[in-house]
PDB file of N, CA and C in Angstrom:
ATOM      1  N   MET A   1      25.456  33.503  -3.965  1.00  0.00           N
ATOM      2  CA  MET A   1      24.396  33.319  -3.467  1.00  0.00           C
ATOM      3  C   MET A   1      22.973  34.113  -3.722  1.00  0.00           C
ATOM      4  N   ARG A   2      21.958  33.463  -3.775  1.00  0.00           N
ATOM      5  CA  ARG A   2      20.735  34.175  -4.100  1.00  0.00           C
ATOM      6  C   ARG A   2      19.948  34.601  -2.806  1.00  0.00           C
ATOM      7  N   ARG A   3      19.808  35.981  -2.811  1.00  0.00           N
ATOM      8  CA  ARG A   3      18.888  36.758  -1.688  1.00  0.00           C
ATOM      9  C   ARG A   3      17.854  36.133  -1.494  1.00  0.00           C
ATOM     10  N   VAL A   4      17.113  36.097  -0.491  1.00  0.00           N
ATOM     11  CA  VAL A   4      15.668  35.674  -0.379  1.00  0.00           C
ATOM     12  C   VAL A   4      15.217  37.005   0.796  1.00  0.00           C
ATOM     13  N   GLU A   5      14.130  37.688   0.070  1.00  0.00           N
ATOM     14  CA  GLU A   5      13.509  38.918   0.839  1.00  0.00           C
ATOM     15  C   GLU A   5      12.354  38.280   1.882  1.00  0.00           C
ATOM     16  N   ALA A   6      12.428  38.550   2.904  1.00  0.00           N
ATOM     17  CA  ALA A   6      11.470  38.282   3.876  1.00  0.00           C
ATOM     18  C   ALA A   6       9.870  38.368   3.424  1.00  0.00           C
ATOM     19  N   GLU A   7       9.833  39.494   2.476  1.00  0.00           N
ATOM     20  CA  GLU A   7       8.116  39.464   2.219  1.00  0.00           C
ATOM     21  C   GLU A   7       8.022  38.235   1.380  1.00  0.00           C
ATOM     22  N   HIS A   8       9.044  37.455   0.804  1.00  0.00           N
ATOM     23  CA  HIS A   8       8.846  36.122   0.082  1.00  0.00           C
ATOM     24  C   HIS A   8       8.239  35.133   0.875  1.00  0.00           C
ATOM     25  N   LEU A   9       8.909  35.260   2.051  1.00  0.00           N
ATOM     26  CA  LEU A   9       9.118  34.081   3.332  1.00  0.00           C
ATOM     27  C   LEU A   9       7.506  34.071   3.970  1.00  0.00           C
ATOM     28  N   TRP A  10       6.929  35.341   3.736  1.00  0.00           N
ATOM     29  CA  TRP A  10       5.496  35.444   4.451  1.00  0.00           C
ATOM     30  C   TRP A  10       4.449  34.147   4.362  1.00  0.00           C
ATOM     31  N   PRO A  11       4.289  34.057   2.843  1.00  0.00           N
ATOM     32  CA  PRO A  11       3.237  33.010   2.421  1.00  0.00           C
ATOM     33  C   PRO A  11       3.664  31.417   3.173  1.00  0.00           C
ATOM     34  N   VAL A  12       5.129  31.401   3.175  1.00  0.00           N
ATOM     35  CA  VAL A  12       5.623  30.100   3.984  1.00  0.00           C
ATOM     36  C   VAL A  12       5.351  30.155   5.468  1.00  0.00           C
ATOM     37  N   ALA A  13       5.480  31.086   6.083  1.00  0.00           N
ATOM     38  CA  ALA A  13       5.163  31.241   7.641  1.00  0.00           C
ATOM     39  C   ALA A  13       3.428  31.028   7.725  1.00  0.00           C
ATOM     40  N   VAL A  14       2.689  31.672   7.052  1.00  0.00           N
ATOM     41  CA  VAL A  14       1.449  31.628   6.839  1.00  0.00           C
ATOM     42  C   VAL A  14       1.015  30.007   6.686  1.00  0.00           C
ATOM     43  N   ALA A  15       1.595  29.192   5.481  1.00  0.00           N
ATOM     44  CA  ALA A  15       1.413  27.903   5.446  1.00  0.00           C
ATOM     45  C   ALA A  15       1.414  26.959   6.766  1.00  0.00           C
ATOM     46  N   LEU A  16       3.013  27.048   7.211  1.00  0.00           N
ATOM     47  CA  LEU A  16       3.272  26.494   8.046  1.00  0.00           C
ATOM     48  C   LEU A  16       2.227  26.489   9.294  1.00  0.00           C
ATOM     49  N   SER A  17       1.904  27.886   9.745  1.00  0.00           N
ATOM     50  CA  SER A  17       1.055  28.064  10.804  1.00  0.00           C
ATOM     51  C   SER A  17      -0.401  27.369  10.656  1.00  0.00           C
ATOM     52  N   ARG A  18      -0.925  27.488   9.289  1.00  0.00           N
ATOM     53  CA  ARG A  18      -2.151  26.911   8.993  1.00  0.00           C
ATOM     54  C   ARG A  18      -2.176  25.395   9.354  1.00  0.00           C
ATOM     55  N   PHE A  19      -1.059  24.370   8.764  1.00  0.00           N
ATOM     56  CA  PHE A  19      -0.579  23.278   9.171  1.00  0.00           C
ATOM     57  C   PHE A  19      -0.408  22.944  10.397  1.00  0.00           C
ATOM     58  N   GLU A  20       0.022  23.736  11.205  1.00  0.00           N
ATOM     59  CA  GLU A  20       0.018  23.205  12.671  1.00  0.00           C
ATOM     60  C   GLU A  20      -1.091  23.548  13.423  1.00  0.00           C
ATOM     61  N   ARG A  21      -2.287  24.709  12.822  1.00  0.00           N
ATOM     62  CA  ARG A  21      -3.235  24.432  13.540  1.00  0.00           C
ATOM     63  C   ARG A  21      -4.215  23.096  13.509  1.00  0.00           C
ATOM     64  N   ALA A  22      -4.083  23.178  12.056  1.00  0.00           N
ATOM     65  CA  ALA A  22      -4.842  21.840  11.424  1.00  0.00           C
ATOM     66  C   ALA A  22      -4.507  20.762  12.180  1.00  0.00           C
ATOM     67  N   PHE A  23      -3.130  20.506  12.485  1.00  0.00           N
ATOM     68  CA  PHE A  23      -2.808  19.047  13.121  1.00  0.00           C
ATOM     69  C   PHE A  23      -2.733  19.055  14.265  1.00  0.00           C
ATOM     70  N   ARG A  24      -3.201  20.164  15.230  1.00  0.00           N
ATOM     71  CA  ARG A  24      -3.488  20.243  16.457  1.00  0.00           C
ATOM     72  C   ARG A  24      -5.218  19.603  16.806  1.00  0.00           C
ATOM     73  N   GLN A  25      -5.658  19.694  15.526  1.00  0.00           N
ATOM     74  CA  GLN A  25      -7.383  18.989  15.685  1.00  0.00           C
ATOM     75  C   GLN A  25      -7.084  17.421  16.462  1.00  0.00           C
ATOM     76  N   PRO A  26      -7.891  17.327  17.443  1.00  0.00           N
ATOM     77  CA  PRO A  26      -8.181  15.949  17.838  1.00  0.00           C
ATOM     78  C   PRO A  26      -8.776  14.961  16.845  1.00  0.00           C
ATOM     79  N   GLY A  27      -8.434  13.883  16.892  1.00  0.00           N
ATOM     80  CA  GLY A  27      -8.967  12.735  16.175  1.00  0.00           C
ATOM     81  C   GLY A  27      -8.149  12.315  15.185  1.00  0.00           C
ATOM     82  N   ARG A  28      -8.538  11.197  14.350  1.00  0.00           N
ATOM     83  CA  ARG A  28      -7.811  10.693  13.229  1.00  0.00           C
ATOM     84  C   ARG A  28      -8.053  11.232  11.848  1.00  0.00           C
ATOM     85  N   TYR A  29      -8.845  11.787  11.827  1.00  0.00           N
ATOM     86  CA  TYR A  29      -9.294  12.638  10.484  1.00  0.00           C
ATOM     87  C   TYR A  29      -9.353  14.220  10.710  1.00  0.00           C
ATOM     88  N   LEU A  30      -8.825  14.945   9.822  1.00  0.00           N
ATOM     89  CA  LEU A  30      -8.943  16.255   9.731  1.00  0.00           C
ATOM     90  C   LEU A  30     -10.646  16.492   8.937  1.00  0.00           C
ATOM     91  N   SER A  31     -10.964  17.782   9.696  1.00  0.00           N
ATOM     92  CA  SER A  31     -12.162  18.227   8.884  1.00  0.00           C
ATOM     93  C   SER A  31     -12.301  19.713   8.695  1.00  0.00           C
ATOM     94  N   GLY A  32     -13.026  20.053   7.912  1.00  0.00           N
ATOM     95  CA  GLY A  32     -13.276  21.635   7.265  1.00  0.00           C
ATOM     96  C   GLY A  32     -12.468  22.571   7.410  1.00  0.00           C
ATOM     97  N   PRO A  33     -12.876  23.608   6.892  1.00  0.00           N
ATOM     98  CA  PRO A  33     -11.890  24.864   6.905  1.00  0.00           C
ATOM     99  C   PRO A  33     -11.478  25.216   8.065  1.00  0.00           C
ATOM    100  N   TYR A  34     -10.084  25.937   8.214  1.00  0.00           N
ATOM    101  CA  TYR A  34      -9.316  25.803   9.542  1.00  0.00           C
ATOM    102  C   TYR A  34      -9.269  27.603   9.892  1.00  0.00           C
ATOM    103  N   GLU A  35      -9.627  28.393   8.744  1.00  0.00           N
ATOM    104  CA  GLU A  35      -9.387  29.460   8.690  1.00  0.00           C
ATOM    105  C   GLU A  35     -10.883  30.229   8.628  1.00  0.00           C
ATOM    106  N   SER A  36     -11.316  29.983   7.434  1.00  0.00           N
ATOM    107  CA  SER A  36     -12.569  30.812   7.175  1.00  0.00           C
ATOM    108  C   SER A  36     -12.920  30.081   5.738  1.00  0.00           C
ATOM    109  N   PRO A  37     -14.236  29.587   5.200  1.00  0.00           N
ATOM    110  CA  PRO A  37     -14.530  28.883   4.192  1.00  0.00           C
ATOM    111  C   PRO A  37     -13.792  29.946   3.025  1.00  0.00           C
ATOM    112  N   GLY A  38     -13.364  29.074   2.014  1.00  0.00           N
ATOM    113  CA  GLY A  38     -12.370  29.315   0.995  1.00  0.00           C
ATOM    114  C   GLY A  38     -11.022  29.295   1.284  1.00  0.00           C
ATOM    115  N   ILE A  39     -10.558  29.576   2.401  1.00  0.00           N
ATOM    116  CA  ILE A  39      -9.137  29.495   2.978  1.00  0.00           C
ATOM    117  C   ILE A  39      -8.907  28.067   3.081  1.00  0.00           C
ATOM    118  N   GLU A  40      -8.322  27.287   2.545  1.00  0.00           N
ATOM    119  CA  GLU A  40      -8.131  25.879   3.008  1.00  0.00           C
ATOM    120  C   GLU A  40      -6.447  25.854   2.898  1.00  0.00           C
ATOM    121  N   ILE A  41      -6.153  24.654   3.780  1.00  0.00           N
ATOM    122  CA  ILE A  41      -4.453  24.234   4.164  1.00  0.00           C
ATOM    123  C   ILE A  41      -4.242  23.842   2.619  1.00  0.00           C
ATOM    124  N   GLU A  42      -4.719  23.410   1.916  1.00  0.00           N
ATOM    125  CA  GLU A  42      -4.247  23.011   0.690  1.00  0.00           C
ATOM    126  C   GLU A  42      -3.370  24.405  -0.238  1.00  0.00           C
ATOM    127  N   GLU A  43      -4.400  25.106   0.038  1.00  0.00           N
ATOM    128  CA  GLU A  43      -3.564  26.396  -0.671  1.00  0.00           C
ATOM    129  C   GLU A  43      -2.214  26.605   0.187  1.00  0.00           C
ATOM    130  N   GLY A  44      -2.009  26.374   1.661  1.00  0.00           N
ATOM    131  CA  GLY A  44      -0.803  26.620   2.313  1.00  0.00           C
ATOM    132  C   GLY A  44       0.095  25.744   1.666  1.00  0.00           C
ATOM    133  N   ARG A  45      -0.269  24.343   1.358  1.00  0.00           N
ATOM    134  CA  ARG A  45       0.896  23.518   0.621  1.00  0.00           C
ATOM    135  C   ARG A  45       1.109  24.159  -0.766  1.00  0.00           C
ATOM    136  N   ASP A  46       0.241  24.688  -1.468  1.00  0.00           N
ATOM    137  CA  ASP A  46       0.855  25.389  -2.712  1.00  0.00           C
ATOM    138  C   ASP A  46       1.664  26.176  -2.478  1.00  0.00           C
ATOM    139  N   ASP A  47       1.587  26.872  -1.558  1.00  0.00           N
ATOM    140  CA  ASP A  47       2.669  28.174  -1.349  1.00  0.00           C
ATOM    141  C   ASP A  47       3.987  27.604  -1.144  1.00  0.00           C
ATOM    142  N   LEU A  48       4.027  26.375  -0.177  1.00  0.00           N
ATOM    143  CA  LEU A  48       4.890  25.587   0.101  1.00  0.00           C
ATOM    144  C   LEU A  48       5.658  24.805  -0.970  1.00  0.00           C
ATOM    145  N   ASP A  49       5.154  25.028  -2.099  1.00  0.00           N
ATOM    146  CA  ASP A  49       5.653  23.867  -3.323  1.00  0.00           C
ATOM    147  C   ASP A  49       6.362  24.770  -3.912  1.00  0.00           C
ATOM    148  N   VAL A  50       5.698  26.291  -4.134  1.00  0.00           N
ATOM    149  CA  VAL A  50       6.276  27.617  -4.752  1.00  0.00           C
ATOM    150  C   VAL A  50       7.747  27.737  -3.960  1.00  0.00           C
ATOM    151  N   ALA A  51       7.956  27.822  -2.586  1.00  0.00           N
ATOM    152  CA  ALA A  51       8.934  28.214  -2.054  1.00  0.00           C
ATOM    153  C   ALA A  51      10.049  27.196  -2.734  1.00  0.00           C
ATOM    154  N   LEU A  52       9.371  25.730  -2.481  1.00  0.00           N
ATOM    155  CA  LEU A  52      10.484  24.766  -2.807  1.00  0.00           C
ATOM    156  C   LEU A  52      11.205  24.949  -4.140  1.00  0.00           C
ATOM    157  N   ARG A  53      10.635  25.459  -4.808  1.00  0.00           N
ATOM    158  CA  ARG A  53      11.027  25.827  -6.313  1.00  0.00           C
ATOM    159  C   ARG A  53      12.002  27.049  -6.220  1.00  0.00           C
ATOM    160  N   HIS A  54      11.979  27.906  -5.418  1.00  0.00           N
ATOM    161  CA  HIS A  54      12.650  29.165  -5.257  1.00  0.00           C
ATOM    162  C   HIS A  54      13.460  29.050  -4.469  1.00  0.00           C
ATOM    163  N   LEU A  55      13.698  28.518  -3.270  1.00  0.00           N
ATOM    164  CA  LEU A  55      14.859  28.883  -2.491  1.00  0.00           C
ATOM    165  C   LEU A  55      15.877  28.364  -2.997  1.00  0.00           C
ATOM    166  N   PRO A  56      17.257  28.795  -2.279  1.00  0.00           N
ATOM    167  CA  PRO A  56      18.458  28.567  -2.577  1.00  0.00           C
ATOM    168  C   PRO A  56      18.489  26.926  -1.852  1.00  0.00           C
ATOM    169  N   ALA A  57      19.478  26.463  -2.515  1.00  0.00           N
ATOM    170  CA  ALA A  57      19.577  24.748  -2.390  1.00  0.00           C
ATOM    171  C   ALA A  57      19.633  24.298  -0.797  1.00  0.00           C
ATOM    172  N   ARG A  58      20.294  25.141   0.179  1.00  0.00           N
ATOM    173  CA  ARG A  58      20.443  24.958   1.528  1.00  0.00           C
ATOM    174  C   ARG A  58      18.807  25.297   1.951  1.00  0.00           C
ATOM    175  N   ALA A  59      18.347  26.475   1.888  1.00  0.00           N
ATOM    176  CA  ALA A  59      16.993  26.589   2.403  1.00  0.00           C
ATOM    177  C   ALA A  59      16.073  25.643   2.053  1.00  0.00           C
ATOM    178  N   ARG A  60      16.259  25.324   0.629  1.00  0.00           N
ATOM    179  CA  ARG A  60      15.405  24.513   0.118  1.00  0.00           C
ATOM    180  C   ARG A  60      15.236  22.733   0.752  1.00  0.00           C
ATOM    181  N   ALA A  61      16.510  22.506   1.159  1.00  0.00           N
ATOM    182  CA  ALA A  61      16.788  21.196   1.644  1.00  0.00           C
ATOM    183  C   ALA A  61      15.810  21.146   3.107  1.00  0.00           C
ATOM    184  N   ASP A  62      16.400  22.543   3.775  1.00  0.00           N
ATOM    185  CA  ASP A  62      15.765  22.336   5.011  1.00  0.00           C
ATOM    186  C   ASP A  62      14.367  22.544   5.019  1.00  0.00           C
ATOM    187  N   LEU A  63      13.631  23.136   4.095  1.00  0.00           N
ATOM    188  CA  LEU A  63      12.208  23.362   4.004  1.00  0.00           C
ATOM    189  C   LEU A  63      11.483  22.023   3.573  1.00  0.00           C
ATOM    190  N   GLY A  64      12.631  21.324   2.762  1.00  0.00           N
ATOM    191  CA  GLY A  64      11.863  20.100   2.149  1.00  0.00           C
ATOM    192  C   GLY A  64      11.787  19.089   3.061  1.00  0.00           C
ATOM    193  N   ARG A  65      12.573  18.802   4.051  1.00  0.00           N
ATOM    194  CA  ARG A  65      12.379  17.853   5.419  1.00  0.00           C
ATOM    195  C   ARG A  65      11.442  18.066   5.894  1.00  0.00           C
ATOM    196  N   LEU A  66      11.075  19.845   6.155  1.00  0.00           N
ATOM    197  CA  LEU A  66       9.838  19.874   7.072  1.00  0.00           C
ATOM    198  C   LEU A  66       8.299  19.593   6.170  1.00  0.00           C
ATOM    199  N   VAL A  67       8.479  19.958   4.875  1.00  0.00           N
ATOM    200  CA  VAL A  67       7.254  19.993   4.090  1.00  0.00           C
ATOM    201  C   VAL A  67       6.996  17.815   3.868  1.00  0.00           C
ATOM    202  N   GLU A  68       8.429  17.368   3.967  1.00  0.00           N
ATOM    203  CA  GLU A  68       8.126  15.886   4.077  1.00  0.00           C
ATOM    204  C   GLU A  68       7.287  15.189   5.252  1.00  0.00           C
ATOM    205  N   ARG A  69       7.520  16.125   6.352  1.00  0.00           N
ATOM    206  CA  ARG A  69       6.708  15.262   7.444  1.00  0.00           C
ATOM    207  C   ARG A  69       5.264  16.075   7.494  1.00  0.00           C
ATOM    208  N   ILE A  70       4.984  17.237   7.058  1.00  0.00           N
ATOM    209  CA  ILE A  70       3.836  17.940   6.995  1.00  0.00           C
ATOM    210  C   ILE A  70       2.671  17.156   5.647  1.00  0.00           C
ATOM    211  N   ASP A  71       3.935  16.442   4.714  1.00  0.00           N
ATOM    212  CA  ASP A  71       2.928  15.634   3.587  1.00  0.00           C
ATOM    213  C   ASP A  71       2.455  14.446   4.268  1.00  0.00           C
ATOM    214  N   ALA A  72       3.493  13.756   5.010  1.00  0.00           N
ATOM    215  CA  ALA A  72       3.111  12.262   5.749  1.00  0.00           C
ATOM    216  C   ALA A  72       1.654  12.484   6.625  1.00  0.00           C
ATOM    217  N   GLU A  73       2.074  13.325   7.553  1.00  0.00           N
ATOM    218  CA  GLU A  73       0.665  13.841   8.491  1.00  0.00           C
ATOM    219  C   GLU A  73      -0.613  14.276   7.958  1.00  0.00           C
ATOM    220  N   PHE A  74      -0.252  14.799   6.946  1.00  0.00           N
ATOM    221  CA  PHE A  74      -1.521  15.315   5.794  1.00  0.00           C
ATOM    222  C   PHE A  74      -2.271  14.071   5.234  1.00  0.00           C
ATOM    223  N   GLU A  75      -1.364  13.090   4.649  1.00  0.00           N
ATOM    224  CA  GLU A  75      -1.713  12.247   3.992  1.00  0.00           C
ATOM    225  C   GLU A  75      -2.412  11.115   5.165  1.00  0.00           C
ATOM    226  N   ARG A  76      -1.939  11.025   6.375  1.00  0.00           N
ATOM    227  CA  ARG A  76      -2.208  10.031   7.294  1.00  0.00           C
ATOM    228  C   ARG A  76      -3.574  10.313   7.697  1.00  0.00           C
ATOM    229  N   ARG A  77      -3.839  11.509   7.869  1.00  0.00           N
ATOM    230  CA  ARG A  77      -5.051  12.247   8.337  1.00  0.00           C
ATOM    231  C   ARG A  77      -6.260  12.241   7.339  1.00  0.00           C
ATOM    232  N   THR A  78      -6.000  12.252   5.974  1.00  0.00           N
ATOM    233  CA  THR A  78      -6.865  12.256   4.938  1.00  0.00           C
ATOM    234  C   THR A  78      -7.462  11.378   4.545  1.00  0.00           C
ATOM    235  N   LEU A  79      -8.320  11.163   3.478  1.00  0.00           N
ATOM    236  CA  LEU A  79      -8.584  10.031   2.454  1.00  0.00           C
ATOM    237  C   LEU A  79      -8.727  10.326   1.238  1.00  0.00           C
ATOM    238  N   PRO A  80      -8.167   9.280   0.403  1.00  0.00           N
ATOM    239  CA  PRO A  80      -8.197   9.534  -1.328  1.00  0.00           C
ATOM    240  C   PRO A  80      -9.496   9.750  -1.771  1.00  0.00           C
ATOM    241  N   ASP A  81      -9.590  10.891  -2.770  1.00  0.00           N
ATOM    242  CA  ASP A  81     -10.557  11.287  -3.491  1.00  0.00           C
ATOM    243  C   ASP A  81     -10.318  11.111  -4.754  1.00  0.00           C
ATOM    244  N   PRO A  82     -10.232   9.662  -5.476  1.00  0.00           N
ATOM    245  CA  PRO A  82      -9.732   9.812  -6.982  1.00  0.00           C
ATOM    246  C   PRO A  82     -10.623  10.441  -7.725  1.00  0.00           C
ATOM    247  N   GLY A  83     -11.948  10.454  -7.509  1.00  0.00           N
ATOM    248  CA  GLY A  83     -12.948  10.901  -8.401  1.00  0.00           C
ATOM    249  C   GLY A  83     -12.702  12.710  -8.609  1.00  0.00           C
ATOM    250  N   TRP A  84     -12.327  13.566  -7.778  1.00  0.00           N
ATOM    251  CA  TRP A  84     -11.783  14.604  -7.886  1.00  0.00           C
ATOM    252  C   TRP A  84     -10.618  15.344  -8.731  1.00  0.00           C
ATOM    253  N   ALA A  85      -9.890  14.491  -9.057  1.00  0.00           N
ATOM    254  CA  ALA A  85      -8.905  14.758  -9.411  1.00  0.00           C
ATOM    255  C   ALA A  85      -9.145  15.754 -11.111  1.00  0.00           C
ATOM    256  N   SER A  86      -8.339  16.783 -11.106  1.00  0.00           N
ATOM    257  CA  SER A  86      -8.784  17.611 -12.225  1.00  0.00           C
ATOM    258  C   SER A  86      -7.584  18.089 -13.132  1.00  0.00           C
ATOM    259  N   GLU A  87      -7.753  18.739 -14.161  1.00  0.00           N
ATOM    260  CA  GLU A  87      -6.184  19.264 -14.513  1.00  0.00           C
ATOM    261  C   GLU A  87      -5.705  20.596 -13.836  1.00  0.00           C
ATOM    262  N   TRP A  88      -6.478  21.377 -13.199  1.00  0.00           N
ATOM    263  CA  TRP A  88      -6.216  21.918 -12.270  1.00  0.00           C
ATOM    264  C   TRP A  88      -5.099  21.573 -11.108  1.00  0.00           C
ATOM    265  N   THR A  89      -5.366  20.718 -10.577  1.00  0.00           N
ATOM    266  CA  THR A  89      -4.526  19.789  -9.523  1.00  0.00           C
ATOM    267  C   THR A  89      -3.791  18.919  -9.838  1.00  0.00           C
ATOM    268  N   ALA A  90      -3.609  18.920 -11.312  1.00  0.00           N
ATOM    269  CA  ALA A  90      -2.245  18.188 -11.919  1.00  0.00           C
ATOM    270  C   ALA A  90      -1.082  18.210 -11.070  1.00  0.00           C
ATOM    271  N   GLY A  91      -0.396  17.352 -10.442  1.00  0.00           N
ATOM    272  CA  GLY A  91       0.753  17.016 -10.071  1.00  0.00           C
ATOM    273  C   GLY A  91       0.445  17.575  -8.282  1.00  0.00           C
ATOM    274  N   ARG A  92      -0.679  18.015  -8.222  1.00  0.00           N
ATOM    275  CA  ARG A  92      -0.741  18.238  -6.777  1.00  0.00           C
ATOM    276  C   ARG A  92      -1.677  17.523  -5.887  1.00  0.00           C
ATOM    277  N   TRP A  93      -0.858  16.418  -5.530  1.00  0.00           N
ATOM    278  CA  TRP A  93      -1.623  15.442  -4.727  1.00  0.00           C
ATOM    279  C   TRP A  93      -2.610  16.018  -3.468  1.00  0.00           C
ATOM    280  N   TRP A  94      -1.870  16.538  -3.091  1.00  0.00           N
ATOM    281  CA  TRP A  94      -2.810  17.317  -1.415  1.00  0.00           C
ATOM    282  C   TRP A  94      -4.209  18.005  -2.143  1.00  0.00           C
ATOM    283  N   TRP A  95      -4.618  18.130  -3.371  1.00  0.00           N
ATOM    284  CA  TRP A  95      -6.390  18.552  -3.576  1.00  0.00           C
ATOM    285  C   TRP A  95      -6.835  17.318  -3.916  1.00  0.00           C
ATOM    286  N   TRP A  96      -6.096  16.190  -3.837  1.00  0.00           N
ATOM    287  CA  TRP A  96      -6.952  15.082  -4.244  1.00  0.00           C
ATOM    288  C   TRP A  96      -7.370  14.158  -3.026  1.00  0.00           C
ATOM    289  N   ARG A  97      -7.244  14.698  -1.919  1.00  0.00           N
ATOM    290  CA  ARG A  97      -7.419  14.196  -0.427  1.00  0.00           C
ATOM    291  C   ARG A  97      -8.538  14.768  -0.096  1.00  0.00           C
ATOM    292  N   ILE A  98      -9.451  13.555   0.728  1.00  0.00           N
ATOM    293  CA  ILE A  98     -10.638  14.333   1.405  1.00  0.00           C
ATOM    294  C   ILE A  98     -10.646  14.439   2.846  1.00  0.00           C
ATOM    295  N   ARG A  99     -10.753  15.736   3.585  1.00  0.00           N
ATOM    296  CA  ARG A  99     -10.278  15.701   5.064  1.00  0.00           C
ATOM    297  C   ARG A  99     -11.628  15.199   5.872  1.00  0.00           C
ATOM    298  N   GLU A 100     -12.958  15.645   5.576  1.00  0.00           N
ATOM    299  CA  GLU A 100     -13.957  15.227   6.348  1.00  0.00           C
ATOM    300  C   GLU A 100     -14.346  13.715   6.088  1.00  0.00           C
ATOM    301  N   ARG A 101     -14.487  13.368   7.273  1.00  0.00           N
ATOM    302  CA  ARG A 101     -14.957  11.678   7.094  1.00  0.00           C
ATOM    303  C   ARG A 101     -16.480  11.708   7.849  1.00  0.00           C
TER     304      ARG A 101
END
């Protein structure tokens, strides 16, 4: 069994915290930055994606179920932005969403 060090889980904890704060916002649509300009919850989703690729199977399954719920809520509270997709965001649909309405 592969051991996961606590220091590698810190980005996961921060990402989950960012989404928790964002989803507490009232209203149908999410708006602007949550922590400070340049620190986006989409970066937190990137961290979760990395964790999903590196965690052992059982932990990956547990986090995967949580990420599925996060993705569904994020998609529900944002709008598509088909004009913003770039090579940098390839495969990372969460960067192609508009949070502000």
